[in-house]
């Protein structure tokens, strides 16, 4: 039982680090895309406000929520493997 709890805690810590890194990377890519769009379309006005509004919209997007799959997919895969190994007689 102790080994299983250690696996759960370490898995959660590792998945949290992966989630944070992936989330920061995706946000940086979105910022670059918004800044590139600003330049390509030759927009006028406050560039920071445009990027901030774009990042606020990105915060509620489906793409942003899909990053939570970092937690769901490994748990489902490991659970499925454990089930198959234990009940494959």
Protein backbone atom coordinates (compact mmCIF):
# COMPACT_ATOMS: atom_id res chain seq x y z
CA UNK A 1 0.00 0.00 0.00
CA UNK A 2 2.89 2.35 0.81
CA UNK A 3 4.44 1.76 -2.63
CA UNK A 4 1.14 2.60 -4.32
CA UNK A 5 0.81 5.86 -2.36
CA UNK A 6 4.40 6.75 -3.24
CA UNK A 7 3.58 6.11 -6.91
CA UNK A 8 0.48 8.33 -6.71
CA UNK A 9 2.31 11.20 -5.00
CA UNK A 10 5.35 11.07 -7.29
CA UNK A 11 3.11 10.76 -10.32
CA UNK A 12 1.12 13.80 -9.23
CA UNK A 13 4.30 15.83 -8.68
CA UNK A 14 5.73 14.85 -12.07
CA UNK A 15 2.44 15.51 -13.87
CA UNK A 16 2.18 18.90 -12.15
CA UNK A 17 5.65 19.88 -13.36
CA UNK A 18 4.77 18.73 -16.89
CA UNK A 19 1.48 20.64 -16.74
CA UNK A 20 3.14 23.87 -15.61
CA UNK A 21 5.84 23.63 -18.28
CA UNK A 22 3.34 22.84 -21.01
CA UNK A 23 1.00 25.60 -19.87
CA UNK A 24 3.79 28.21 -19.85
CA UNK A 25 4.99 27.06 -23.26
CA UNK A 26 1.50 27.23 -24.77
CA UNK A 27 0.93 30.71 -23.32
CA UNK A 28 4.24 31.94 -24.71
CA UNK A 29 3.35 30.54 -28.15
CA UNK A 30 -0.03 32.29 -28.02
CA UNK A 31 1.67 35.57 -27.05
CA UNK A 32 4.08 35.23 -29.99
CA UNK A 33 1.18 34.50 -32.33
CA UNK A 34 -0.71 37.59 -31.15
CA UNK A 35 2.37 39.81 -31.46
CA UNK A 36 3.06 38.46 -34.97
CA UNK A 37 -0.57 39.08 -35.94
CA UNK A 38 -0.28 42.66 -34.65
CA UNK A 39 2.74 43.31 -36.86
CA UNK A 40 1.43 41.49 -39.96
CA UNK A 41 -1.94 43.25 -39.95
CA UNK A 42 -0.38 46.64 -39.24
CA UNK A 43 -2.72 47.42 -36.38
CA UNK A 44 -2.67 50.75 -34.60
CA UNK A 45 -3.31 51.48 -30.93
CA UNK A 46 -2.06 49.87 -27.75
CA UNK A 47 -0.18 46.67 -28.57
CA UNK A 48 -0.05 45.52 -24.94
CA UNK A 49 -3.81 45.86 -24.57
CA UNK A 50 -4.34 43.78 -27.73
CA UNK A 51 -2.04 41.03 -26.50
CA UNK A 52 -3.55 41.12 -23.00
CA UNK A 53 -7.09 40.81 -24.42
CA UNK A 54 -5.97 37.95 -26.64
CA UNK A 55 -4.39 36.12 -23.72
CA UNK A 56 -7.52 36.64 -21.63
CA UNK A 57 -9.56 35.05 -24.41
CA UNK A 58 -7.00 32.23 -24.62
CA UNK A 59 -7.43 31.58 -20.89
CA UNK A 60 -10.96 30.27 -21.42
CA UNK A 61 -10.33 28.49 -24.70
CA UNK A 62 -10.69 24.79 -25.40
CA UNK A 63 -7.00 24.53 -26.27
CA UNK A 64 -6.07 25.77 -22.81
CA UNK A 65 -8.42 23.30 -21.11
CA UNK A 66 -7.09 20.42 -23.19
CA UNK A 67 -3.75 20.79 -21.44
CA UNK A 68 -5.49 19.32 -18.38
CA UNK A 69 -5.32 16.05 -20.31
CA UNK A 70 -1.81 15.82 -18.88
CA UNK A 71 -3.49 14.63 -15.68
CA UNK A 72 -6.29 12.55 -17.21
CA UNK A 73 -4.57 10.53 -19.93
CA UNK A 74 -1.77 8.94 -17.84
CA UNK A 75 -4.18 8.05 -15.02
CA UNK A 76 -6.57 6.36 -17.46
CA UNK A 77 -3.74 4.50 -19.22
CA UNK A 78 -2.19 3.27 -15.96
CA UNK A 79 -5.61 2.30 -14.59
CA UNK A 80 -6.39 0.38 -17.77
CA UNK A 81 -3.06 -1.43 -17.68
CA UNK A 82 -3.55 -2.39 -14.03
CA UNK A 83 -7.07 -3.66 -14.77
CA UNK A 84 -5.95 -5.69 -17.79
CA UNK A 85 -3.00 -7.24 -15.95
CA UNK A 86 -5.09 -8.19 -12.93
CA UNK A 87 -8.14 -9.52 -14.81
CA UNK A 88 -6.67 -11.20 -17.88
CA UNK A 89 -7.08 -14.84 -16.91
